C-alpha cells in the first residue's frame, strides 16, 4: 500500500507507522521527496519505520515533476538538478542503512562529517528503493539506484520501450542487475463487458463534471494546464493518438484528468483485466499496481475477482518457464 506525499498532505511516515503497528502483513510503500529533509534524518526515519513494521518497508523516492508544487516547500532546483539530487540522496540513505562506522560525505548537494546511525533496518542488507519517472534524467538516476522502477500504464509497445530504457540506464551505470519493473493502472471492472464500459463512461463523465464545476480532479494539477513532467505528457500524447489499445487499455480517463498521475484504465470483466495485466507480466513487468476510481469499492472487487486470477496464471507461467529451463539444462549436460 502506497502512503503518498503531497506538499499539503498529512505526513505519510507517521501514518505508515500507525498502520504498521496495527497490521501484521501489509507491505508499506512510503513516498518521500528528498527536498523536505536531510538524508541523515530521513535514513533514520526509514530505519525506525522498518523496525516498527518488522521489515515491511519500501521507500519510494519522488523527485518531483512540477516546479510549482516543488516550490510550495521551497524547492527551487530545475528538473535535471532535482534528479541529480535524488541520485545523491538515495546513495547516502543506502550507505547510512548499512554503514556501522562513521563516515564523511562531500557531494554536490549534501555535506556532512563523522555520521553514523544508531538505528538500522530489520531488512538486510537494507529496504528496497523504489523510483519513478519517464525522462532521460529519470532513467539515468533510477537505472543507477532503484531496486524497483515505477511506470504508469501505457500501451504494451511503449511500456516495453521504457523497460529497455531503464535496463540500458542500469547497464550504463555499471550495474550487473536491473531494477524490477512496476506498472500502475486504474482498473474499471464489472461482471460483464457491457457493464464495465458503462462504468468507464460514467467515470469519465464524473471527472468532467467536477472540472466543469471548477473542482480540482487531482492535487497535482487540475488538468487546465499542460503538465511539466514527461510521464503526464506521454499519457496525454497516447490519449490524443487513440482511445483503446491492446486488450483493455483505455485512455479517456487520462485525457480527462490532464494526464494526472496513474490515470489510464484497464476496462472489462475481471477475466479481461486479469489477462491484460498478464500481458504486461509477459513483457517483463514484475509488479502490477492498481487503484480504482472508486477507491474502496474497486479495491474490494479487484482483490476478490482479479488478483486471484493473476496469481494463478503467473504461477502457471513460472512453472512452465522453470520446466523449460530444466529441460534446456538437461539437454546441455545430456
C-alpha atoms as a PDB file:
ATOM      1  CA  UNK A   1       0.000   0.000   0.000  1.00  0.00           C
ATOM      2  CA  UNK A   2       1.334   3.385  -1.043  1.00  0.00           C
ATOM      3  CA  UNK A   3       1.471   6.166   1.536  1.00  0.00           C
ATOM      4  CA  UNK A   4       1.523   9.141  -0.819  1.00  0.00           C
ATOM      5  CA  UNK A   5       3.221  12.521  -0.470  1.00  0.00           C
ATOM      6  CA  UNK A   6       1.966  15.985  -1.364  1.00  0.00           C
ATOM      7  CA  UNK A   7       3.080  19.437  -0.268  1.00  0.00           C
ATOM      8  CA  UNK A   8      -0.019  19.942   1.858  1.00  0.00           C
ATOM      9  CA  UNK A   9      -0.936  16.354   2.653  1.00  0.00           C
ATOM     10  CA  UNK A  10      -0.612  14.572   6.002  1.00  0.00           C
ATOM     11  CA  UNK A  11       2.902  13.318   6.669  1.00  0.00           C
ATOM     12  CA  UNK A  12       2.995   9.751   5.323  1.00  0.00           C
ATOM     13  CA  UNK A  13       5.698   8.429   7.684  1.00  0.00           C
ATOM     14  CA  UNK A  14       3.731   8.591  10.988  1.00  0.00           C
ATOM     15  CA  UNK A  15       0.611   7.448   9.129  1.00  0.00           C
ATOM     16  CA  UNK A  16       2.517   4.417   7.870  1.00  0.00           C
ATOM     17  CA  UNK A  17       3.902   3.753  11.362  1.00  0.00           C
ATOM     18  CA  UNK A  18       0.386   3.865  12.802  1.00  0.00           C
ATOM     19  CA  UNK A  19      -0.887   1.308  10.281  1.00  0.00           C
ATOM     20  CA  UNK A  20       2.221  -0.878  10.563  1.00  0.00           C
ATOM     21  CA  UNK A  21       1.783  -1.152  14.323  1.00  0.00           C
ATOM     22  CA  UNK A  22      -1.775  -2.460  13.880  1.00  0.00           C
ATOM     23  CA  UNK A  23      -1.435  -4.795  10.891  1.00  0.00           C
ATOM     24  CA  UNK A  24       0.935  -7.734  10.601  1.00  0.00           C
ATOM     25  CA  UNK A  25       1.267  -8.399   6.864  1.00  0.00           C
ATOM     26  CA  UNK A  26       0.586  -5.211   4.922  1.00  0.00           C
ATOM     27  CA  UNK A  27       3.647  -4.157   2.915  1.00  0.00           C
ATOM     28  CA  UNK A  28       4.347  -0.420   3.172  1.00  0.00           C
ATOM     29  CA  UNK A  29       5.441   1.758   0.246  1.00  0.00           C
ATOM     30  CA  UNK A  30       6.406   5.111   1.731  1.00  0.00           C
ATOM     31  CA  UNK A  31       6.637   8.077  -0.649  1.00  0.00           C
ATOM     32  CA  UNK A  32       9.330  10.637   0.144  1.00  0.00           C
ATOM     33  CA  UNK A  33      10.613  13.806  -1.527  1.00  0.00           C
ATOM     34  CA  UNK A  34      14.318  14.498  -0.995  1.00  0.00           C
ATOM     35  CA  UNK A  35      13.771  18.258  -0.756  1.00  0.00           C
ATOM     36  CA  UNK A  36      11.830  18.031   2.514  1.00  0.00           C
ATOM     37  CA  UNK A  37      14.532  16.653   4.835  1.00  0.00           C
ATOM     38  CA  UNK A  38      18.261  15.993   5.079  1.00  0.00           C
ATOM     39  CA  UNK A  39      19.238  12.443   4.098  1.00  0.00           C
ATOM     40  CA  UNK A  40      20.766  11.678   7.522  1.00  0.00           C
ATOM     41  CA  UNK A  41      17.428  12.462   9.163  1.00  0.00           C
ATOM     42  CA  UNK A  42      15.402  10.612   6.533  1.00  0.00           C
ATOM     43  CA  UNK A  43      17.521   7.453   6.720  1.00  0.00           C
ATOM     44  CA  UNK A  44      16.891   7.215  10.484  1.00  0.00           C
ATOM     45  CA  UNK A  45      13.159   7.786   9.950  1.00  0.00           C
ATOM     46  CA  UNK A  46      13.026   4.975   7.394  1.00  0.00           C
ATOM     47  CA  UNK A  47      15.066   2.601   9.561  1.00  0.00           C
ATOM     48  CA  UNK A  48      12.776   3.308  12.515  1.00  0.00           C
ATOM     49  CA  UNK A  49       9.717   2.584  10.375  1.00  0.00           C
ATOM     50  CA  UNK A  50      11.287  -0.655   9.142  1.00  0.00           C
ATOM     51  CA  UNK A  51      11.777  -1.627  12.777  1.00  0.00           C
ATOM     52  CA  UNK A  52       8.159  -0.774  13.658  1.00  0.00           C
ATOM     53  CA  UNK A  53       6.862  -2.743  10.664  1.00  0.00           C
ATOM     54  CA  UNK A  54       9.278  -5.638  11.288  1.00  0.00           C
ATOM     55  CA  UNK A  55      10.804  -5.379   7.846  1.00  0.00           C
ATOM     56  CA  UNK A  56       7.862  -4.455   5.631  1.00  0.00           C
ATOM     57  CA  UNK A  57       9.086  -1.095   4.281  1.00  0.00           C
ATOM     58  CA  UNK A  58       9.931   0.018   0.752  1.00  0.00           C
ATOM     59  CA  UNK A  59      10.778   3.701   0.203  1.00  0.00           C
ATOM     60  CA  UNK A  60       9.522   5.380  -2.962  1.00  0.00           C
ATOM     61  CA  UNK A  61      11.643   8.440  -3.770  1.00  0.00           C
ATOM     62  CA  UNK A  62       9.796  11.213  -5.620  1.00  0.00           C
ATOM     63  CA  UNK A  63      11.967  13.700  -7.499  1.00  0.00           C
ATOM     64  CA  UNK A  64       9.061  15.997  -8.405  1.00  0.00           C
ATOM     65  CA  UNK A  65       7.832  16.854 -11.892  1.00  0.00           C
ATOM     66  CA  UNK A  66       6.079  20.166 -11.252  1.00  0.00           C
ATOM     67  CA  UNK A  67       8.045  23.331 -10.426  1.00  0.00           C
ATOM     68  CA  UNK A  68       5.062  24.991  -8.744  1.00  0.00           C
ATOM     69  CA  UNK A  69       4.390  22.014  -6.454  1.00  0.00           C
ATOM     70  CA  UNK A  70       8.071  21.760  -5.545  1.00  0.00           C
ATOM     71  CA  UNK A  71       8.221  25.491  -4.871  1.00  0.00           C
ATOM     72  CA  UNK A  72       5.454  25.194  -2.289  1.00  0.00           C
ATOM     73  CA  UNK A  73       8.066  23.722   0.045  1.00  0.00           C
ATOM     74  CA  UNK A  74      10.971  25.885  -1.010  1.00  0.00           C
ATOM     75  CA  UNK A  75      12.498  23.715  -3.742  1.00  0.00           C
ATOM     76  CA  UNK A  76      13.896  25.950  -6.499  1.00  0.00           C
ATOM     77  CA  UNK A  77      16.065  23.439  -8.389  1.00  0.00           C
ATOM     78  CA  UNK A  78      15.493  22.655 -12.044  1.00  0.00           C
ATOM     79  CA  UNK A  79      14.156  19.259 -13.070  1.00  0.00           C
ATOM     80  CA  UNK A  80      17.559  17.822 -14.039  1.00  0.00           C
ATOM     81  CA  UNK A  81      19.113  19.247 -10.872  1.00  0.00           C
ATOM     82  CA  UNK A  82      16.389  17.550  -8.835  1.00  0.00           C
ATOM     83  CA  UNK A  83      17.190  14.184 -10.398  1.00  0.00           C
ATOM     84  CA  UNK A  84      20.896  14.648  -9.646  1.00  0.00           C
ATOM     85  CA  UNK A  85      19.997  15.497  -6.049  1.00  0.00           C
ATOM     86  CA  UNK A  86      17.733  12.442  -5.742  1.00  0.00           C
ATOM     87  CA  UNK A  87      20.500  10.185  -7.030  1.00  0.00           C
ATOM     88  CA  UNK A  88      22.941  11.563  -4.441  1.00  0.00           C
ATOM     89  CA  UNK A  89      20.270  11.381  -1.715  1.00  0.00           C
ATOM     90  CA  UNK A  90      19.498   7.710  -2.388  1.00  0.00           C
ATOM     91  CA  UNK A  91      23.189   6.786  -2.329  1.00  0.00           C
ATOM     92  CA  UNK A  92      23.558   8.489   1.067  1.00  0.00           C
ATOM     93  CA  UNK A  93      20.457   6.797   2.527  1.00  0.00           C
ATOM     94  CA  UNK A  94      21.639   3.379   1.345  1.00  0.00           C
ATOM     95  CA  UNK A  95      25.046   3.912   2.970  1.00  0.00           C
ATOM     96  CA  UNK A  96      23.534   5.084   6.257  1.00  0.00           C
ATOM     97  CA  UNK A  97      21.359   1.954   6.344  1.00  0.00           C
ATOM     98  CA  UNK A  98      24.399  -0.300   6.027  1.00  0.00           C
ATOM     99  CA  UNK A  99      27.421   1.580   7.454  1.00  0.00           C
ATOM    100  CA  UNK A 100      28.286   0.798  11.070  1.00  0.00           C
ATOM    101  CA  UNK A 101      31.286   3.112  11.179  1.00  0.00           C
ATOM    102  CA  UNK A 102      31.154   6.935  10.974  1.00  0.00           C
ATOM    103  CA  UNK A 103      31.722   8.407   7.516  1.00  0.00           C
ATOM    104  CA  UNK A 104      32.004  11.771   5.772  1.00  0.00           C
ATOM    105  CA  UNK A 105      30.200  12.905   2.651  1.00  0.00           C
ATOM    106  CA  UNK A 106      31.181  15.752   0.328  1.00  0.00           C
ATOM    107  CA  UNK A 107      28.731  15.911  -2.568  1.00  0.00           C
ATOM    108  CA  UNK A 108      27.094  18.389  -4.885  1.00  0.00           C
ATOM    109  CA  UNK A 109      24.013  18.815  -2.704  1.00  0.00           C
ATOM    110  CA  UNK A 110      24.941  17.374   0.721  1.00  0.00           C
ATOM    111  CA  UNK A 111      27.932  17.642   3.037  1.00  0.00           C
ATOM    112  CA  UNK A 112      28.347  16.137   6.492  1.00  0.00           C
ATOM    113  CA  UNK A 113      31.087  14.625   8.643  1.00  0.00           C
ATOM    114  CA  UNK A 114      31.534  11.733  11.072  1.00  0.00           C
ATOM    115  CA  UNK A 115      27.949  10.448  10.820  1.00  0.00           C
ATOM    116  CA  UNK A 116      26.731   7.020  11.846  1.00  0.00           C
ATOM    117  CA  UNK A 117      23.204   5.982  12.732  1.00  0.00           C
ATOM    118  CA  UNK A 118      22.202   4.170  15.908  1.00  0.00           C
ATOM    119  CA  UNK A 119      19.134   2.613  14.270  1.00  0.00           C
ATOM    120  CA  UNK A 120      19.267   0.134  11.379  1.00  0.00           C
ATOM    121  CA  UNK A 121      16.590  -1.528   9.265  1.00  0.00           C
ATOM    122  CA  UNK A 122      15.317  -5.008  10.021  1.00  0.00           C
ATOM    123  CA  UNK A 123      15.720  -5.918   6.348  1.00  0.00           C
ATOM    124  CA  UNK A 124      19.219  -6.944   5.397  1.00  0.00           C
ATOM    125  CA  UNK A 125      21.193  -5.530   3.825  1.00  0.00           C
ATOM    126  CA  UNK A 126      18.547  -2.781   3.542  1.00  0.00           C
ATOM    127  CA  UNK A 127      14.959  -1.999   2.457  1.00  0.00           C
ATOM    128  CA  UNK A 128      14.175  -1.713  -1.238  1.00  0.00           C
ATOM    129  CA  UNK A 129      14.345   1.627  -3.020  1.00  0.00           C
ATOM    130  CA  UNK A 130      11.506   2.486  -5.402  1.00  0.00           C
ATOM    131  CA  UNK A 131      11.713   5.246  -8.010  1.00  0.00           C
ATOM    132  CA  UNK A 132       9.697   6.621 -10.930  1.00  0.00           C
ATOM    133  CA  UNK A 133       9.991   8.869 -13.959  1.00  0.00           C
ATOM    134  CA  UNK A 134       9.837   8.834 -17.748  1.00  0.00           C
ATOM    135  CA  UNK A 135      12.525  11.308 -18.831  1.00  0.00           C
ATOM    136  CA  UNK A 136      16.154  10.573 -19.756  1.00  0.00           C
ATOM    137  CA  UNK A 137      17.260  12.146 -16.463  1.00  0.00           C
ATOM    138  CA  UNK A 138      14.861   9.852 -14.603  1.00  0.00           C
ATOM    139  CA  UNK A 139      16.071   6.746 -16.412  1.00  0.00           C
ATOM    140  CA  UNK A 140      19.675   7.668 -15.575  1.00  0.00           C
ATOM    141  CA  UNK A 141      19.021   8.233 -11.861  1.00  0.00           C
ATOM    142  CA  UNK A 142      16.598   5.371 -11.330  1.00  0.00           C
ATOM    143  CA  UNK A 143      18.512   2.999 -13.534  1.00  0.00           C
ATOM    144  CA  UNK A 144      21.560   3.593 -11.359  1.00  0.00           C
ATOM    145  CA  UNK A 145      19.972   3.450  -7.909  1.00  0.00           C
ATOM    146  CA  UNK A 146      16.492   1.873  -7.882  1.00  0.00           C
ATOM    147  CA  UNK A 147      15.588  -1.656  -6.863  1.00  0.00           C
ATOM    148  CA  UNK A 148      12.104  -1.069  -8.281  1.00  0.00           C
ATOM    149  CA  UNK A 149      11.401   1.253 -11.211  1.00  0.00           C
ATOM    150  CA  UNK A 150       7.809   2.504 -11.413  1.00  0.00           C
ATOM    151  CA  UNK A 151       5.991   3.418 -14.619  1.00  0.00           C
ATOM    152  CA  UNK A 152       2.449   4.484 -15.433  1.00  0.00           C
ATOM    153  CA  UNK A 153       0.330   2.203 -17.573  1.00  0.00           C
ATOM    154  CA  UNK A 154       0.948   2.751 -21.285  1.00  0.00           C
ATOM    155  CA  UNK A 155       0.330   0.590 -24.383  1.00  0.00           C
ATOM    156  CA  UNK A 156       2.392  -2.593 -24.337  1.00  0.00           C
ATOM    157  CA  UNK A 157       4.811  -1.461 -27.038  1.00  0.00           C
ATOM    158  CA  UNK A 158       5.572   1.847 -25.330  1.00  0.00           C
ATOM    159  CA  UNK A 159       5.879   0.152 -21.953  1.00  0.00           C
ATOM    160  CA  UNK A 160       8.398  -2.279 -23.451  1.00  0.00           C
ATOM    161  CA  UNK A 161      10.404   0.667 -24.802  1.00  0.00           C
ATOM    162  CA  UNK A 162      10.562   2.217 -21.338  1.00  0.00           C
ATOM    163  CA  UNK A 163      11.658  -1.071 -19.788  1.00  0.00           C
ATOM    164  CA  UNK A 164      14.529  -1.243 -22.268  1.00  0.00           C
ATOM    165  CA  UNK A 165      15.470   2.368 -21.467  1.00  0.00           C
ATOM    166  CA  UNK A 166      15.645   1.534 -17.753  1.00  0.00           C
ATOM    167  CA  UNK A 167      17.765  -1.552 -18.455  1.00  0.00           C
ATOM    168  CA  UNK A 168      20.109   0.465 -20.651  1.00  0.00           C
ATOM    169  CA  UNK A 169      20.498   3.111 -17.940  1.00  0.00           C
ATOM    170  CA  UNK A 170      21.286   0.440 -15.352  1.00  0.00           C
ATOM    171  CA  UNK A 171      23.949  -1.028 -17.634  1.00  0.00           C
ATOM    172  CA  UNK A 172      25.397   2.433 -18.324  1.00  0.00           C
ATOM    173  CA  UNK A 173      25.679   2.965 -14.567  1.00  0.00           C
ATOM    174  CA  UNK A 174      27.774  -0.178 -14.287  1.00  0.00           C
ATOM    175  CA  UNK A 175      25.143  -2.405 -12.731  1.00  0.00           C
ATOM    176  CA  UNK A 176      25.132  -6.138 -13.375  1.00  0.00           C
ATOM    177  CA  UNK A 177      21.479  -6.377 -12.307  1.00  0.00           C
ATOM    178  CA  UNK A 178      18.449  -4.338 -13.373  1.00  0.00           C
ATOM    179  CA  UNK A 179      15.590  -2.795 -11.390  1.00  0.00           C
ATOM    180  CA  UNK A 180      12.367  -4.727 -11.082  1.00  0.00           C
ATOM    181  CA  UNK A 181       9.635  -3.013 -13.107  1.00  0.00           C
ATOM    182  CA  UNK A 182       6.348  -1.848 -11.610  1.00  0.00           C
ATOM    183  CA  UNK A 183       3.477  -0.538 -13.762  1.00  0.00           C
ATOM    184  CA  UNK A 184       0.375   1.206 -12.401  1.00  0.00           C
ATOM    185  CA  UNK A 185      -3.187   1.186 -13.746  1.00  0.00           C
ATOM    186  CA  UNK A 186      -6.704   2.294 -12.772  1.00  0.00           C
ATOM    187  CA  UNK A 187      -8.815  -0.825 -13.493  1.00  0.00           C
ATOM    188  CA  UNK A 188     -12.534  -0.434 -14.165  1.00  0.00           C
ATOM    189  CA  UNK A 189     -14.228  -3.814 -13.796  1.00  0.00           C
ATOM    190  CA  UNK A 190     -17.776  -5.159 -13.796  1.00  0.00           C
ATOM    191  CA  UNK A 191     -19.451  -8.597 -14.178  1.00  0.00           C
ATOM    192  CA  UNK A 192     -19.930  -8.117 -17.950  1.00  0.00           C
ATOM    193  CA  UNK A 193     -18.081  -6.195 -20.659  1.00  0.00           C
ATOM    194  CA  UNK A 194     -21.137  -4.037 -21.287  1.00  0.00           C
ATOM    195  CA  UNK A 195     -21.440  -3.078 -17.628  1.00  0.00           C
ATOM    196  CA  UNK A 196     -17.707  -2.391 -17.417  1.00  0.00           C
ATOM    197  CA  UNK A 197     -17.840   0.029 -20.340  1.00  0.00           C
ATOM    198  CA  UNK A 198     -20.920   1.742 -18.908  1.00  0.00           C
ATOM    199  CA  UNK A 199     -18.992   2.178 -15.665  1.00  0.00           C
ATOM    200  CA  UNK A 200     -15.978   3.531 -17.580  1.00  0.00           C
ATOM    201  CA  UNK A 201     -18.040   6.186 -19.344  1.00  0.00           C
ATOM    202  CA  UNK A 202     -19.730   7.142 -16.053  1.00  0.00           C
ATOM    203  CA  UNK A 203     -16.293   7.571 -14.519  1.00  0.00           C
ATOM    204  CA  UNK A 204     -15.122   9.932 -17.254  1.00  0.00           C
ATOM    205  CA  UNK A 205     -18.418  11.798 -17.009  1.00  0.00           C
ATOM    206  CA  UNK A 206     -17.882  12.305 -13.282  1.00  0.00           C
ATOM    207  CA  UNK A 207     -14.339  13.619 -13.855  1.00  0.00           C
ATOM    208  CA  UNK A 208     -15.554  16.069 -16.499  1.00  0.00           C
ATOM    209  CA  UNK A 209     -18.430  17.209 -14.275  1.00  0.00           C
ATOM    210  CA  UNK A 210     -16.006  18.053 -11.483  1.00  0.00           C
ATOM    211  CA  UNK A 211     -13.846  20.041 -13.875  1.00  0.00           C
ATOM    212  CA  UNK A 212     -16.866  21.951 -15.164  1.00  0.00           C
ATOM    213  CA  UNK A 213     -17.661  22.946 -11.578  1.00  0.00           C
ATOM    214  CA  UNK A 214     -14.120  24.212 -11.175  1.00  0.00           C
ATOM    215  CA  UNK A 215     -13.194  21.446  -8.759  1.00  0.00           C
ATOM    216  CA  UNK A 216      -9.660  20.020  -8.997  1.00  0.00           C
ATOM    217  CA  UNK A 217      -9.543  16.430 -10.230  1.00  0.00           C
ATOM    218  CA  UNK A 218      -6.121  15.916  -8.689  1.00  0.00           C
ATOM    219  CA  UNK A 219      -3.894  17.676  -6.194  1.00  0.00           C
ATOM    220  CA  UNK A 220      -1.000  17.608  -8.674  1.00  0.00           C
ATOM    221  CA  UNK A 221      -2.633  19.817 -11.275  1.00  0.00           C
ATOM    222  CA  UNK A 222      -6.212  20.402 -12.277  1.00  0.00           C
ATOM    223  CA  UNK A 223      -5.970  19.453 -15.931  1.00  0.00           C
ATOM    224  CA  UNK A 224      -6.272  23.042 -17.201  1.00  0.00           C
ATOM    225  CA  UNK A 225      -2.545  23.476 -17.874  1.00  0.00           C
ATOM    226  CA  UNK A 226      -0.003  21.405 -19.726  1.00  0.00           C
ATOM    227  CA  UNK A 227       1.849  19.253 -17.185  1.00  0.00           C
ATOM    228  CA  UNK A 228       5.613  19.689 -16.891  1.00  0.00           C
ATOM    229  CA  UNK A 229       6.513  16.088 -16.115  1.00  0.00           C
ATOM    230  CA  UNK A 230       7.330  13.763 -19.004  1.00  0.00           C
ATOM    231  CA  UNK A 231       5.153  10.931 -17.712  1.00  0.00           C
ATOM    232  CA  UNK A 232       1.984  13.019 -17.877  1.00  0.00           C
ATOM    233  CA  UNK A 233       2.946  14.432 -21.257  1.00  0.00           C
ATOM    234  CA  UNK A 234       3.316  10.872 -22.547  1.00  0.00           C
ATOM    235  CA  UNK A 235      -0.146   9.935 -21.243  1.00  0.00           C
ATOM    236  CA  UNK A 236      -1.729  12.928 -22.988  1.00  0.00           C
ATOM    237  CA  UNK A 237       0.034  12.128 -26.271  1.00  0.00           C
ATOM    238  CA  UNK A 238      -1.101   8.500 -26.081  1.00  0.00           C
ATOM    239  CA  UNK A 239      -4.689   9.608 -25.409  1.00  0.00           C
ATOM    240  CA  UNK A 240      -4.605  12.023 -28.357  1.00  0.00           C
ATOM    241  CA  UNK A 241      -3.421   9.196 -30.611  1.00  0.00           C
ATOM    242  CA  UNK A 242      -6.249   6.837 -29.657  1.00  0.00           C
ATOM    243  CA  UNK A 243      -8.755   5.764 -27.021  1.00  0.00           C
ATOM    244  CA  UNK A 244      -8.187   1.997 -26.937  1.00  0.00           C
ATOM    245  CA  UNK A 245      -5.001  -0.033 -27.051  1.00  0.00           C
ATOM    246  CA  UNK A 246      -4.131  -3.708 -26.827  1.00  0.00           C
ATOM    247  CA  UNK A 247      -6.542  -5.891 -24.873  1.00  0.00           C
ATOM    248  CA  UNK A 248      -8.167  -3.409 -22.478  1.00  0.00           C
ATOM    249  CA  UNK A 249      -6.178  -0.165 -22.092  1.00  0.00           C
ATOM    250  CA  UNK A 250      -8.444   2.906 -22.257  1.00  0.00           C
ATOM    251  CA  UNK A 251      -7.097   6.464 -22.298  1.00  0.00           C
ATOM    252  CA  UNK A 252     -10.071   8.890 -21.874  1.00  0.00           C
ATOM    253  CA  UNK A 253      -9.609   8.850 -18.094  1.00  0.00           C
ATOM    254  CA  UNK A 254      -6.050  10.113 -18.563  1.00  0.00           C
ATOM    255  CA  UNK A 255      -7.233  12.705 -21.073  1.00  0.00           C
ATOM    256  CA  UNK A 256      -9.973  13.923 -18.723  1.00  0.00           C
ATOM    257  CA  UNK A 257      -7.533  14.395 -15.840  1.00  0.00           C
ATOM    258  CA  UNK A 258      -4.928  16.127 -17.997  1.00  0.00           C
ATOM    259  CA  UNK A 259      -2.546  13.174 -17.757  1.00  0.00           C
ATOM    260  CA  UNK A 260      -2.513  13.387 -13.991  1.00  0.00           C
ATOM    261  CA  UNK A 261      -0.509  10.578 -12.467  1.00  0.00           C
ATOM    262  CA  UNK A 262      -1.636   6.996 -12.739  1.00  0.00           C
ATOM    263  CA  UNK A 263      -4.797   7.573 -14.782  1.00  0.00           C
ATOM    264  CA  UNK A 264      -5.014   5.127 -17.702  1.00  0.00           C
ATOM    265  CA  UNK A 265      -7.703   2.497 -17.201  1.00  0.00           C
ATOM    266  CA  UNK A 266      -7.986  -1.209 -17.948  1.00  0.00           C
ATOM    267  CA  UNK A 267     -11.644  -1.849 -18.731  1.00  0.00           C
ATOM    268  CA  UNK A 268     -13.575  -5.111 -18.782  1.00  0.00           C
ATOM    269  CA  UNK A 269     -14.616  -8.128 -16.785  1.00  0.00           C
ATOM    270  CA  UNK A 270     -12.235  -9.398 -14.102  1.00  0.00           C
ATOM    271  CA  UNK A 271     -11.073 -12.048 -16.575  1.00  0.00           C
ATOM    272  CA  UNK A 272     -10.350  -9.467 -19.293  1.00  0.00           C
ATOM    273  CA  UNK A 273      -8.486  -7.144 -16.939  1.00  0.00           C
ATOM    274  CA  UNK A 274      -6.526 -10.035 -15.439  1.00  0.00           C
ATOM    275  CA  UNK A 275      -5.430 -11.159 -18.905  1.00  0.00           C
ATOM    276  CA  UNK A 276      -4.452  -7.581 -19.755  1.00  0.00           C
ATOM    277  CA  UNK A 277      -2.280  -7.443 -16.645  1.00  0.00           C
ATOM    278  CA  UNK A 278      -0.705 -10.754 -17.604  1.00  0.00           C
ATOM    279  CA  UNK A 279       0.214  -9.257 -20.987  1.00  0.00           C
ATOM    280  CA  UNK A 280       2.396  -6.789 -19.079  1.00  0.00           C
ATOM    281  CA  UNK A 281       3.888  -9.570 -16.981  1.00  0.00           C
ATOM    282  CA  UNK A 282       4.819 -11.311 -20.220  1.00  0.00           C
ATOM    283  CA  UNK A 283       6.864  -8.299 -21.434  1.00  0.00           C
ATOM    284  CA  UNK A 284       8.852  -8.082 -18.208  1.00  0.00           C
ATOM    285  CA  UNK A 285       6.719  -6.262 -15.631  1.00  0.00           C
ATOM    286  CA  UNK A 286       7.362  -7.665 -12.152  1.00  0.00           C
ATOM    287  CA  UNK A 287       4.913  -5.687 -10.012  1.00  0.00           C
ATOM    288  CA  UNK A 288       1.374  -4.709 -11.021  1.00  0.00           C
ATOM    289  CA  UNK A 289      -0.067  -1.711  -9.206  1.00  0.00           C
ATOM    290  CA  UNK A 290      -3.763  -0.867  -9.195  1.00  0.00           C
ATOM    291  CA  UNK A 291      -6.189   1.578  -7.648  1.00  0.00           C
ATOM    292  CA  UNK A 292      -9.704   2.272  -8.725  1.00  0.00           C
ATOM    293  CA  UNK A 293     -11.559   5.495  -9.295  1.00  0.00           C
ATOM    294  CA  UNK A 294     -13.932   4.250  -6.583  1.00  0.00           C
ATOM    295  CA  UNK A 295     -11.104   3.640  -4.130  1.00  0.00           C
ATOM    296  CA  UNK A 296     -12.689   1.344  -1.552  1.00  0.00           C
ATOM    297  CA  UNK A 297     -15.256  -0.448  -3.704  1.00  0.00           C
ATOM    298  CA  UNK A 298     -12.813  -1.083  -6.517  1.00  0.00           C
ATOM    299  CA  UNK A 299     -10.146  -2.309  -4.083  1.00  0.00           C
ATOM    300  CA  UNK A 300     -12.570  -4.897  -2.737  1.00  0.00           C
ATOM    301  CA  UNK A 301     -13.666  -6.049  -6.193  1.00  0.00           C
ATOM    302  CA  UNK A 302     -10.117  -6.113  -7.514  1.00  0.00           C
ATOM    303  CA  UNK A 303      -8.933  -8.168  -4.562  1.00  0.00           C
ATOM    304  CA  UNK A 304     -11.789 -10.640  -4.828  1.00  0.00           C
ATOM    305  CA  UNK A 305     -12.029 -11.116  -8.574  1.00  0.00           C
ATOM    306  CA  UNK A 306      -8.817 -10.027 -10.347  1.00  0.00           C
ATOM    307  CA  UNK A 307      -5.835 -10.762  -8.094  1.00  0.00           C
ATOM    308  CA  UNK A 308      -6.661 -14.487  -7.680  1.00  0.00           C
ATOM    309  CA  UNK A 309      -6.722 -14.957 -11.479  1.00  0.00           C
ATOM    310  CA  UNK A 310      -3.440 -13.115 -11.941  1.00  0.00           C
ATOM    311  CA  UNK A 311      -1.707 -15.056  -9.168  1.00  0.00           C
ATOM    312  CA  UNK A 312      -2.867 -18.399 -10.556  1.00  0.00           C
ATOM    313  CA  UNK A 313      -1.807 -17.584 -14.105  1.00  0.00           C
ATOM    314  CA  UNK A 314       1.577 -16.183 -13.025  1.00  0.00           C
ATOM    315  CA  UNK A 315       2.223 -19.374 -11.050  1.00  0.00           C
ATOM    316  CA  UNK A 316       1.469 -21.406 -14.197  1.00  0.00           C
ATOM    317  CA  UNK A 317       3.787 -19.269 -16.322  1.00  0.00           C
ATOM    318  CA  UNK A 318       6.576 -19.513 -13.766  1.00  0.00           C
ATOM    319  CA  UNK A 319       6.196 -23.293 -13.514  1.00  0.00           C
ATOM    320  CA  UNK A 320       6.288 -23.656 -17.305  1.00  0.00           C
ATOM    321  CA  UNK A 321       9.375 -21.423 -17.505  1.00  0.00           C
ATOM    322  CA  UNK A 322      11.138 -23.447 -14.813  1.00  0.00           C
ATOM    323  CA  UNK A 323      10.304 -26.671 -16.652  1.00  0.00           C
ATOM    324  CA  UNK A 324      11.708 -25.304 -19.924  1.00  0.00           C
ATOM    325  CA  UNK A 325      14.883 -24.157 -18.214  1.00  0.00           C
ATOM    326  CA  UNK A 326      15.293 -27.591 -16.598  1.00  0.00           C
ATOM    327  CA  UNK A 327      14.862 -29.266 -19.973  1.00  0.00           C
ATOM    328  CA  UNK A 328      17.395 -26.949 -21.602  1.00  0.00           C
ATOM    329  CA  UNK A 329      19.872 -27.579 -18.799  1.00  0.00           C
ATOM    330  CA  UNK A 330      19.390 -31.334 -19.140  1.00  0.00           C
ATOM    331  CA  UNK A 331      19.961 -31.085 -22.900  1.00  0.00           C
ATOM    332  CA  UNK A 332      23.202 -29.156 -22.393  1.00  0.00           C
ATOM    333  CA  UNK A 333      24.537 -31.749 -19.964  1.00  0.00           C
ATOM    334  CA  UNK A 334      22.892 -34.617 -21.885  1.00  0.00           C
END
